[in-house]
C-alpha atoms as a PDB file:
ATOM      1  CA  MET A   1     179.274 124.492  93.875  1.00  0.00           C
ATOM      2  CA  ILE A   2     176.563 121.365  91.885  1.00  0.00           C
ATOM      3  CA  PHE A   3     174.978 119.772  94.033  1.00  0.00           C
ATOM      4  CA  LEU A   4     173.417 116.276  92.664  1.00  0.00           C
ATOM      5  CA  ARG A   5     170.421 115.137  92.960  1.00  0.00           C
ATOM      6  CA  VAL A   6     167.868 111.931  92.020  1.00  0.00           C
ATOM      7  CA  VAL A   7     164.232 112.282  91.306  1.00  0.00           C
ATOM      8  CA  THR A   8     160.615 110.247  91.398  1.00  0.00           C
ATOM      9  CA  VAL A   9     157.486 112.827  89.836  1.00  0.00           C
ATOM     10  CA  GLY A  10     154.295 111.423  89.988  1.00  0.00           C
ATOM     11  CA  VAL A  11     150.709 112.357  92.108  1.00  0.00           C
ATOM     12  CA  PHE A  12     151.271 110.274  94.611  1.00  0.00           C
ATOM     13  CA  ASP A  13     147.975 111.102  96.302  1.00  0.00           C
ATOM     14  CA  GLY A  14     147.737 109.166 100.025  1.00  0.00           C
ATOM     15  CA  VAL A  15     150.987 107.942  99.458  1.00  0.00           C
ATOM     16  CA  HIS A  16     150.259 104.085  99.526  1.00  0.00           C
ATOM     17  CA  ILE A  17     152.976 101.524  99.873  1.00  0.00           C
ATOM     18  CA  GLY A  18     153.178 101.028  96.344  1.00  0.00           C
ATOM     19  CA  HIS A  19     154.009 104.767  96.637  1.00  0.00           C
ATOM     20  CA  VAL A  20     156.388 104.254  99.211  1.00  0.00           C
ATOM     21  CA  GLU A  21     158.249 101.641  97.449  1.00  0.00           C
ATOM     22  CA  ILE A  22     158.974 104.036  95.085  1.00  0.00           C
ATOM     23  CA  LEU A  23     160.333 106.491  97.737  1.00  0.00           C
ATOM     24  CA  SER A  24     162.166 103.346 100.063  1.00  0.00           C
ATOM     25  CA  ARG A  25     163.524 103.310  96.475  1.00  0.00           C
ATOM     26  CA  LEU A  26     164.035 107.572  95.759  1.00  0.00           C
ATOM     27  CA  LYS A  27     165.325 107.659  99.719  1.00  0.00           C
ATOM     28  CA  ARG A  28     168.283 104.282  98.770  1.00  0.00           C
ATOM     29  CA  LEU A  29     169.318 105.816  95.958  1.00  0.00           C
ATOM     30  CA  ALA A  30     170.482 108.767  97.424  1.00  0.00           C
ATOM     31  CA  GLU A  31     171.816 107.551  99.521  1.00  0.00           C
ATOM     32  CA  GLU A  32     174.288 105.609  97.478  1.00  0.00           C
ATOM     33  CA  PHE A  33     174.854 108.836  95.701  1.00  0.00           C
ATOM     34  CA  ASN A  34     175.203 110.968  98.844  1.00  0.00           C
ATOM     35  CA  SER A  35     173.100 113.268  96.827  1.00  0.00           C
ATOM     36  CA  THR A  36     169.051 115.277  97.399  1.00  0.00           C
ATOM     37  CA  SER A  37     166.253 113.513  96.936  1.00  0.00           C
ATOM     38  CA  GLU A  38     164.093 115.786  94.722  1.00  0.00           C
ATOM     39  CA  ILE A  39     159.817 114.733  94.673  1.00  0.00           C
ATOM     40  CA  TYR A  40     157.075 115.826  92.179  1.00  0.00           C
ATOM     41  CA  THR A  41     153.566 115.967  93.083  1.00  0.00           C
ATOM     42  CA  ILE A  42     151.491 116.533  90.372  1.00  0.00           C
ATOM     43  CA  VAL A  43     148.932 118.268  92.782  1.00  0.00           C
ATOM     44  CA  PHE A  44     146.074 117.064  90.513  1.00  0.00           C
ATOM     45  CA  PRO A  45     145.619 113.843  88.492  1.00  0.00           C
ATOM     46  CA  MET A  46     144.022 113.559  84.070  1.00  0.00           C
ATOM     47  CA  GLU A  47     141.339 112.160  85.562  1.00  0.00           C
ATOM     48  CA  TYR A  48     139.998 116.117  87.305  1.00  0.00           C
ATOM     49  CA  TYR A  49     140.556 117.770  85.181  1.00  0.00           C
ATOM     50  CA  LYS A  50     138.312 115.705  82.468  1.00  0.00           C
ATOM     51  CA  GLY A  51     135.544 116.521  84.931  1.00  0.00           C
ATOM     52  CA  HIS A  52     135.429 112.603  85.947  1.00  0.00           C
ATOM     53  CA  PHE A  53     137.569 112.296  88.989  1.00  0.00           C
ATOM     54  CA  ASP A  54     136.074 111.084  92.887  1.00  0.00           C
ATOM     55  CA  GLY A  55     138.214 113.138  94.381  1.00  0.00           C
ATOM     56  CA  LEU A  56     141.294 113.417  96.197  1.00  0.00           C
ATOM     57  CA  LEU A  57     142.275 110.360  99.111  1.00  0.00           C
ATOM     58  CA  ILE A  58     144.395 113.432 100.906  1.00  0.00           C
ATOM     59  CA  PRO A  59     144.411 117.011 102.245  1.00  0.00           C
ATOM     60  CA  LEU A  60     147.765 117.861  99.535  1.00  0.00           C
ATOM     61  CA  GLU A  61     149.227 120.134 103.230  1.00  0.00           C
ATOM     62  CA  ASP A  62     148.344 115.817 104.084  1.00  0.00           C
ATOM     63  CA  ARG A  63     150.008 114.840 101.385  1.00  0.00           C
ATOM     64  CA  ILE A  64     153.049 116.937 101.167  1.00  0.00           C
ATOM     65  CA  THR A  65     153.675 116.017 105.067  1.00  0.00           C
ATOM     66  CA  LEU A  66     154.243 112.661 104.398  1.00  0.00           C
ATOM     67  CA  LEU A  67     156.208 112.802 101.203  1.00  0.00           C
ATOM     68  CA  GLU A  68     158.643 115.368 102.808  1.00  0.00           C
ATOM     69  CA  VAL A  69     159.801 111.800 104.953  1.00  0.00           C
ATOM     70  CA  TYR A  70     161.801 111.049 101.788  1.00  0.00           C
ATOM     71  CA  GLY A  71     162.709 114.373 100.686  1.00  0.00           C
ATOM     72  CA  GLU A  72     162.279 117.754  99.315  1.00  0.00           C
ATOM     73  CA  VAL A  73     159.015 118.203  97.647  1.00  0.00           C
ATOM     74  CA  PHE A  74     158.491 119.888  94.780  1.00  0.00           C
ATOM     75  CA  PRO A  75     154.394 120.802  94.073  1.00  0.00           C
ATOM     76  CA  LEU A  76     153.159 120.563  90.276  1.00  0.00           C
ATOM     77  CA  GLU A  77     150.326 121.782  88.298  1.00  0.00           C
ATOM     78  CA  LEU A  78     149.186 119.457  85.513  1.00  0.00           C
ATOM     79  CA  ASN A  79     148.302 122.546  83.285  1.00  0.00           C
ATOM     80  CA  GLU A  80     152.037 123.367  83.617  1.00  0.00           C
ATOM     81  CA  ILE A  81     153.075 121.065  82.117  1.00  0.00           C
ATOM     82  CA  LYS A  82     151.224 118.667  79.897  1.00  0.00           C
ATOM     83  CA  ASP A  83     152.317 120.815  76.863  1.00  0.00           C
ATOM     84  CA  ILE A  84     155.899 120.026  77.183  1.00  0.00           C
ATOM     85  CA  ASP A  85     156.883 117.484  74.607  1.00  0.00           C
ATOM     86  CA  ALA A  86     158.614 114.415  76.671  1.00  0.00           C
ATOM     87  CA  SER A  87     162.897 115.167  75.358  1.00  0.00           C
ATOM     88  CA  LYS A  88     162.044 118.522  76.533  1.00  0.00           C
ATOM     89  CA  PHE A  89     160.592 117.712  80.251  1.00  0.00           C
ATOM     90  CA  PHE A  90     163.507 115.244  80.492  1.00  0.00           C
ATOM     91  CA  GLU A  91     165.266 117.986  80.576  1.00  0.00           C
ATOM     92  CA  ILE A  92     163.689 120.192  83.243  1.00  0.00           C
ATOM     93  CA  ILE A  93     164.202 116.867  85.390  1.00  0.00           C
ATOM     94  CA  SER A  94     167.039 115.671  84.740  1.00  0.00           C
ATOM     95  CA  LYS A  95     169.461 118.713  85.397  1.00  0.00           C
ATOM     96  CA  ASP A  96     172.390 117.827  87.531  1.00  0.00           C
ATOM     97  CA  THR A  97     170.834 114.620  87.974  1.00  0.00           C
ATOM     98  CA  LYS A  98     172.390 111.268  88.876  1.00  0.00           C
ATOM     99  CA  GLY A  99     169.484 109.189  89.116  1.00  0.00           C
ATOM    100  CA  ILE A 100     165.977 108.728  88.406  1.00  0.00           C
ATOM    101  CA  VAL A 101     163.617 106.730  90.433  1.00  0.00           C
ATOM    102  CA  VAL A 102     159.790 105.816  88.565  1.00  0.00           C
ATOM    103  CA  GLY A 103     156.627 103.192  88.243  1.00  0.00           C
ATOM    104  CA  LYS A 104     156.259 101.043  86.166  1.00  0.00           C
ATOM    105  CA  ASP A 105     153.896 102.637  84.743  1.00  0.00           C
ATOM    106  CA  PHE A 106     155.046 106.380  84.438  1.00  0.00           C
ATOM    107  CA  ARG A 107     154.196 109.175  81.335  1.00  0.00           C
ATOM    108  CA  PHE A 108     155.555 112.190  80.648  1.00  0.00           C
ATOM    109  CA  GLY A 109     154.918 115.087  77.965  1.00  0.00           C
ATOM    110  CA  LYS A 110     152.850 116.230  76.117  1.00  0.00           C
ATOM    111  CA  ASN A 111     149.912 113.422  75.393  1.00  0.00           C
ATOM    112  CA  ALA A 112     151.619 111.168  77.850  1.00  0.00           C
ATOM    113  CA  LYS A 113     154.073 110.920  74.801  1.00  0.00           C
ATOM    114  CA  GLY A 114     157.291 109.633  76.910  1.00  0.00           C
ATOM    115  CA  ASP A 115     156.923 105.835  78.225  1.00  0.00           C
ATOM    116  CA  ILE A 116     159.758 104.136  79.835  1.00  0.00           C
ATOM    117  CA  SER A 117     160.776 102.817  77.006  1.00  0.00           C
ATOM    118  CA  LEU A 118     161.959 106.354  75.913  1.00  0.00           C
ATOM    119  CA  LEU A 119     163.725 107.372  79.664  1.00  0.00           C
ATOM    120  CA  GLU A 120     165.969 104.715  79.430  1.00  0.00           C
ATOM    121  CA  LYS A 121     166.907 105.931  76.709  1.00  0.00           C
ATOM    122  CA  LEU A 122     167.494 109.736  77.272  1.00  0.00           C
ATOM    123  CA  CYS A 123     169.432 108.595  80.526  1.00  0.00           C
ATOM    124  CA  LYS A 124     171.462 106.200  78.705  1.00  0.00           C
ATOM    125  CA  LYS A 125     172.305 109.529  77.116  1.00  0.00           C
ATOM    126  CA  LYS A 126     173.462 111.117  79.965  1.00  0.00           C
ATOM    127  CA  ASN A 127     174.189 108.796  82.335  1.00  0.00           C
ATOM    128  CA  ILE A 128     171.319 109.001  85.266  1.00  0.00           C
ATOM    129  CA  LYS A 129     170.704 106.218  87.400  1.00  0.00           C
ATOM    130  CA  LEU A 130     167.317 104.899  86.564  1.00  0.00           C
ATOM    131  CA  GLU A 131     164.880 102.072  88.465  1.00  0.00           C
ATOM    132  CA  VAL A 132     161.849 101.322  87.376  1.00  0.00           C
ATOM    133  CA  VAL A 133     159.549  99.542  90.440  1.00  0.00           C
ATOM    134  CA  ASN A 134     157.181  97.169  89.730  1.00  0.00           C
ATOM    135  CA  ASP A 135     153.560  97.732  90.881  1.00  0.00           C
ATOM    136  CA  LEU A 136     152.712  95.596  94.068  1.00  0.00           C
ATOM    137  CA  THR A 137     149.461  94.155  93.832  1.00  0.00           C
ATOM    138  CA  GLU A 138     146.726  92.459  96.486  1.00  0.00           C
ATOM    139  CA  ASN A 139     144.418  90.069  94.427  1.00  0.00           C
ATOM    140  CA  GLY A 140     145.905  90.163  91.147  1.00  0.00           C
ATOM    141  CA  LYS A 141     144.539  94.100  91.197  1.00  0.00           C
ATOM    142  CA  ARG A 142     147.346  96.668  90.716  1.00  0.00           C
ATOM    143  CA  VAL A 143     147.754  98.898  94.088  1.00  0.00           C
ATOM    144  CA  SER A 144     146.722 102.387  92.530  1.00  0.00           C
ATOM    145  CA  SER A 145     145.149 105.503  93.951  1.00  0.00           C
ATOM    146  CA  THR A 146     142.506 105.106  92.228  1.00  0.00           C
ATOM    147  CA  LEU A 147     141.252 101.750  93.490  1.00  0.00           C
ATOM    148  CA  ILE A 148     141.799 102.606  96.976  1.00  0.00           C
ATOM    149  CA  ARG A 149     139.632 105.769  96.021  1.00  0.00           C
ATOM    150  CA  LYS A 150     136.962 103.440  94.626  1.00  0.00           C
ATOM    151  CA  LEU A 151     137.515 101.604  97.347  1.00  0.00           C
ATOM    152  CA  ILE A 152     136.436 104.359  99.786  1.00  0.00           C
ATOM    153  CA  LYS A 153     133.399 104.724  97.414  1.00  0.00           C
ATOM    154  CA  GLU A 154     132.374 101.122  98.294  1.00  0.00           C
ATOM    155  CA  GLY A 155     132.572 101.366 101.935  1.00  0.00           C
ATOM    156  CA  ASN A 156     135.648  98.718 101.385  1.00  0.00           C
ATOM    157  CA  ILE A 157     137.530 100.243 104.519  1.00  0.00           C
ATOM    158  CA  LYS A 158     139.668  97.725 105.708  1.00  0.00           C
ATOM    159  CA  LEU A 159     141.026  96.691 102.224  1.00  0.00           C
ATOM    160  CA  ALA A 160     141.885 100.257 101.624  1.00  0.00           C
ATOM    161  CA  ASN A 161     143.012 100.390 104.638  1.00  0.00           C
ATOM    162  CA  LYS A 162     145.699  97.566 104.134  1.00  0.00           C
ATOM    163  CA  LEU A 163     145.976  99.489 101.028  1.00  0.00           C
ATOM    164  CA  LEU A 164     147.322 102.845 101.813  1.00  0.00           C
ATOM    165  CA  GLY A 165     149.088 100.953 105.161  1.00  0.00           C
ATOM    166  CA  ARG A 166     147.619 103.076 108.265  1.00  0.00           C
ATOM    167  CA  ALA A 167     144.170 104.290 108.677  1.00  0.00           C
ATOM    168  CA  TYR A 168     141.032 106.322 106.204  1.00  0.00           C
ATOM    169  CA  PRO A 169     141.910 109.354 107.548  1.00  0.00           C
ATOM    170  CA  VAL A 170     138.385 112.157 108.059  1.00  0.00           C
ATOM    171  CA  TYR A 171     138.671 114.685 109.205  1.00  0.00           C
ATOM    172  CA  GLY A 172     138.080 118.846 110.029  1.00  0.00           C
ATOM    173  CA  LYS A 173     136.502 121.231 112.383  1.00  0.00           C
ATOM    174  CA  VAL A 174     134.002 120.247 114.831  1.00  0.00           C
ATOM    175  CA  TYR A 175     131.020 122.912 114.178  1.00  0.00           C
ATOM    176  CA  LYS A 176     127.359 124.027 115.824  1.00  0.00           C
ATOM    177  CA  ASP A 177     125.250 122.242 113.659  1.00  0.00           C
ATOM    178  CA  LYS A 178     120.912 121.671 114.792  1.00  0.00           C
ATOM    179  CA  GLN A 179     122.889 119.521 117.323  1.00  0.00           C
ATOM    180  CA  LEU A 180     119.816 116.627 115.926  1.00  0.00           C
ATOM    181  CA  GLY A 181     122.118 113.424 117.318  1.00  0.00           C
ATOM    182  CA  ARG A 182     121.956 115.561 121.100  1.00  0.00           C
ATOM    183  CA  LYS A 183     118.890 114.997 120.627  1.00  0.00           C
ATOM    184  CA  LEU A 184     118.315 110.873 120.195  1.00  0.00           C
ATOM    185  CA  GLY A 185     120.728 110.743 122.847  1.00  0.00           C
ATOM    186  CA  PHE A 186     123.678 110.326 120.961  1.00  0.00           C
ATOM    187  CA  PRO A 187     125.698 113.788 120.903  1.00  0.00           C
ATOM    188  CA  THR A 188     127.101 113.453 117.418  1.00  0.00           C
ATOM    189  CA  ALA A 189     130.842 116.383 116.309  1.00  0.00           C
ATOM    190  CA  ASN A 190     130.184 118.004 113.145  1.00  0.00           C
ATOM    191  CA  ILE A 191     132.918 117.710 111.284  1.00  0.00           C
ATOM    192  CA  ARG A 192     133.720 120.843 108.259  1.00  0.00           C
ATOM    193  CA  ARG A 193     135.768 118.403 105.475  1.00  0.00           C
ATOM    194  CA  HIS A 194     137.989 119.492 102.376  1.00  0.00           C
ATOM    195  CA  LYS A 195     135.466 119.687  99.454  1.00  0.00           C
ATOM    196  CA  GLU A 196     138.501 117.976  97.035  1.00  0.00           C
ATOM    197  CA  LEU A 197     138.068 114.963  98.570  1.00  0.00           C
ATOM    198  CA  VAL A 198     136.708 111.369  97.678  1.00  0.00           C
ATOM    199  CA  ILE A 199     133.405 110.917  99.658  1.00  0.00           C
ATOM    200  CA  PRO A 200     133.324 106.919 101.290  1.00  0.00           C
ATOM    201  CA  LYS A 201     130.508 105.020 101.067  1.00  0.00           C
ATOM    202  CA  PHE A 202     127.061 106.567 102.942  1.00  0.00           C
ATOM    203  CA  GLY A 203     126.829 104.710 106.235  1.00  0.00           C
ATOM    204  CA  VAL A 204     127.994 103.921 109.745  1.00  0.00           C
ATOM    205  CA  TYR A 205     131.830 103.454 110.967  1.00  0.00           C
ATOM    206  CA  LEU A 206     133.372 102.825 113.881  1.00  0.00           C
ATOM    207  CA  SER A 207     136.391 104.805 114.115  1.00  0.00           C
ATOM    208  CA  LYS A 208     139.477 105.662 115.954  1.00  0.00           C
ATOM    209  CA  VAL A 209     138.691 109.477 117.628  1.00  0.00           C
ATOM    210  CA  TYR A 210     141.874 112.015 118.194  1.00  0.00           C
ATOM    211  CA  THR A 211     140.276 115.355 119.897  1.00  0.00           C
ATOM    212  CA  PRO A 212     143.590 114.556 119.587  1.00  0.00           C
ATOM    213  CA  LYS A 213     143.202 111.891 122.910  1.00  0.00           C
ATOM    214  CA  LEU A 214     142.892 109.050 121.726  1.00  0.00           C
ATOM    215  CA  TYR A 215     138.930 107.239 122.277  1.00  0.00           C
ATOM    216  CA  PHE A 216     137.260 105.141 119.404  1.00  0.00           C
ATOM    217  CA  GLY A 217     134.046 106.217 118.687  1.00  0.00           C
ATOM    218  CA  LEU A 218     131.110 105.748 115.300  1.00  0.00           C
ATOM    219  CA  VAL A 219     131.105 108.524 112.015  1.00  0.00           C
ATOM    220  CA  ASN A 220     127.788 108.655 110.237  1.00  0.00           C
ATOM    221  CA  ILE A 221     128.964 109.654 106.542  1.00  0.00           C
ATOM    222  CA  GLY A 222     125.422 111.023 104.763  1.00  0.00           C
ATOM    223  CA  LEU A 223     122.506 112.909 104.040  1.00  0.00           C
ATOM    224  CA  ARG A 224     120.088 112.518 107.460  1.00  0.00           C
ATOM    225  CA  PRO A 225     117.367 110.809 105.046  1.00  0.00           C
ATOM    226  CA  THR A 226     115.697 110.450 108.019  1.00  0.00           C
ATOM    227  CA  VAL A 227     116.062 113.189 110.164  1.00  0.00           C
ATOM    228  CA  GLU A 228     116.703 116.249 107.232  1.00  0.00           C
ATOM    229  CA  LYS A 229     117.010 115.461 104.044  1.00  0.00           C
ATOM    230  CA  THR A 230     120.114 117.897 104.304  1.00  0.00           C
ATOM    231  CA  LYS A 231     122.274 118.096 100.213  1.00  0.00           C
ATOM    232  CA  ASN A 232     125.716 118.673 102.168  1.00  0.00           C
ATOM    233  CA  VAL A 233     127.114 115.539 102.844  1.00  0.00           C
ATOM    234  CA  LYS A 234     128.091 115.345 106.607  1.00  0.00           C
ATOM    235  CA  TYR A 235     129.949 114.257 108.522  1.00  0.00           C
ATOM    236  CA  GLU A 236     128.722 113.315 112.314  1.00  0.00           C
ATOM    237  CA  VAL A 237     131.156 112.108 115.620  1.00  0.00           C
ATOM    238  CA  TYR A 238     129.391 110.142 118.460  1.00  0.00           C
ATOM    239  CA  ILE A 239     132.612 108.933 120.618  1.00  0.00           C
ATOM    240  CA  PHE A 240     132.374 106.713 123.937  1.00  0.00           C
ATOM    241  CA  ASP A 241     132.496 107.684 126.926  1.00  0.00           C
ATOM    242  CA  PHE A 242     133.629 111.713 125.728  1.00  0.00           C
ATOM    243  CA  ASN A 243     132.166 114.741 127.226  1.00  0.00           C
ATOM    244  CA  GLU A 244     133.664 117.767 126.369  1.00  0.00           C
ATOM    245  CA  ASN A 245     133.301 120.981 124.671  1.00  0.00           C
ATOM    246  CA  ILE A 246     135.138 120.515 120.665  1.00  0.00           C
ATOM    247  CA  TYR A 247     133.374 123.147 119.170  1.00  0.00           C
ATOM    248  CA  GLY A 248     136.111 125.158 116.511  1.00  0.00           C
ATOM    249  CA  LYS A 249     138.916 122.500 117.758  1.00  0.00           C
ATOM    250  CA  GLU A 250     140.136 120.004 115.073  1.00  0.00           C
ATOM    251  CA  ILE A 251     140.181 116.799 115.690  1.00  0.00           C
ATOM    252  CA  ARG A 252     141.526 113.476 113.040  1.00  0.00           C
ATOM    253  CA  VAL A 253     138.744 110.256 112.365  1.00  0.00           C
ATOM    254  CA  GLU A 254     140.758 107.000 111.214  1.00  0.00           C
ATOM    255  CA  LEU A 255     138.370 105.076 109.467  1.00  0.00           C
ATOM    256  CA  LEU A 256     137.889 101.327 110.397  1.00  0.00           C
ATOM    257  CA  GLU A 257     135.426  98.768 109.775  1.00  0.00           C
ATOM    258  CA  PHE A 258     132.168  99.608 108.142  1.00  0.00           C
ATOM    259  CA  LEU A 259     128.901  99.366 109.717  1.00  0.00           C
ATOM    260  CA  ARG A 260     125.823  99.567 108.038  1.00  0.00           C
ATOM    261  CA  ALA A 261     124.750 101.726 104.687  1.00  0.00           C
ATOM    262  CA  GLU A 262     122.554 104.650 105.413  1.00  0.00           C
ATOM    263  CA  GLU A 263     119.423 103.866 105.918  1.00  0.00           C
ATOM    264  CA  LYS A 264     115.625 105.641 106.102  1.00  0.00           C
ATOM    265  CA  PHE A 265     113.578 104.587 108.935  1.00  0.00           C
ATOM    266  CA  LYS A 266     110.232 105.013 109.175  1.00  0.00           C
ATOM    267  CA  ASN A 267     110.642 106.588 112.706  1.00  0.00           C
ATOM    268  CA  ILE A 268     112.922 107.805 115.069  1.00  0.00           C
ATOM    269  CA  ASN A 269     112.486 105.020 117.853  1.00  0.00           C
ATOM    270  CA  ASP A 270     113.386 103.050 114.311  1.00  0.00           C
ATOM    271  CA  LEU A 271     116.675 105.823 113.890  1.00  0.00           C
ATOM    272  CA  ILE A 272     117.541 105.859 117.935  1.00  0.00           C
ATOM    273  CA  ASN A 273     116.211 102.054 118.308  1.00  0.00           C
ATOM    274  CA  ARG A 274     118.739 101.020 114.990  1.00  0.00           C
ATOM    275  CA  MET A 275     122.148 103.281 116.733  1.00  0.00           C
ATOM    276  CA  LYS A 276     121.841 101.142 120.170  1.00  0.00           C
ATOM    277  CA  GLU A 277     122.878  98.304 118.136  1.00  0.00           C
ATOM    278  CA  ASP A 278     125.165 100.257 115.704  1.00  0.00           C
ATOM    279  CA  GLU A 279     127.293 101.039 119.311  1.00  0.00           C
ATOM    280  CA  LYS A 280     127.527  97.311 120.540  1.00  0.00           C
ATOM    281  CA  LEU A 281     128.183  96.317 117.614  1.00  0.00           C
ATOM    282  CA  ALA A 282     130.964  98.628 118.321  1.00  0.00           C
ATOM    283  CA  LYS A 283     132.022  98.829 121.243  1.00  0.00           C
ATOM    284  CA  LYS A 284     131.952  94.330 120.858  1.00  0.00           C
ATOM    285  CA  ILE A 285     134.317  94.575 117.395  1.00  0.00           C
ATOM    286  CA  LEU A 286     136.380  96.993 119.677  1.00  0.00           C
ATOM    287  CA  GLU A 287     136.659  93.658 122.542  1.00  0.00           C
ATOM    288  CA  GLU A 288     137.887  91.285 119.850  1.00  0.00           C
ATOM    289  CA  LYS A 289     139.652  93.358 118.248  1.00  0.00           C
ATOM    290  CA  TYR A 290     141.422  95.941 119.314  1.00  0.00           C
ATOM    291  CA  ALA A 291     141.597  96.195 123.199  1.00  0.00           C
ATOM    292  CA  SER A 292     145.020  96.508 124.648  1.00  0.00           C
END
């Protein structure tokens, strides 16, 4: 028995609101044809191989989890497909296929020579329904993973969250560091994060923290210029109204608002006073915007 399918191909990093348009259309088309939906996600975009890539928005395993809501997921390594001729690549993805759904910027085949015009001709020959999804825009700019990475690097976390369709996550396993926060009166959970991910703008963020229980808190991202200049980026989470041992546990932090950029203070007392102001401002924002 031949099982028919509908397919889509793309990187889908972050699975943002533009991707959701494509994926939702894919799912509807699969229902229309009573077929399976298959999603081919390219692990890293071309920029990664060219050496000027800011990092993924989320780890691949999380991308797959989000994509699985819409169909069966198959990761593709770009190096394994980038030299395949456009027509040959189409033959691979069009086997037993009733429909193809892509974004309007979709390119395929060696040197990205395959475009929507070619895809339309090839689909017509094989009687495959092609749906091309128009871009979503925000203030005249196309919603894309590249744009969201740029916003995160600039600290524009509120707009980044809007385009993602959810709060941007920073998470990892809590490890024991030098306990500098505790000595300053602000005990923090230090987390190790995937190295291939985009690094947000250095500074202090109001955040949700899941331990897995929900709390609010502050996250400082940076190099600790006042107390010790480190080479590796530190992710330090100060959780409000929390006093538990979570070393070795995974916690999830969602960045809500960027409060201020990282600073080098003249002395420790100035740093402590600023941290107190940060906490006061964060709790004021929580009362005004996030109180249930």
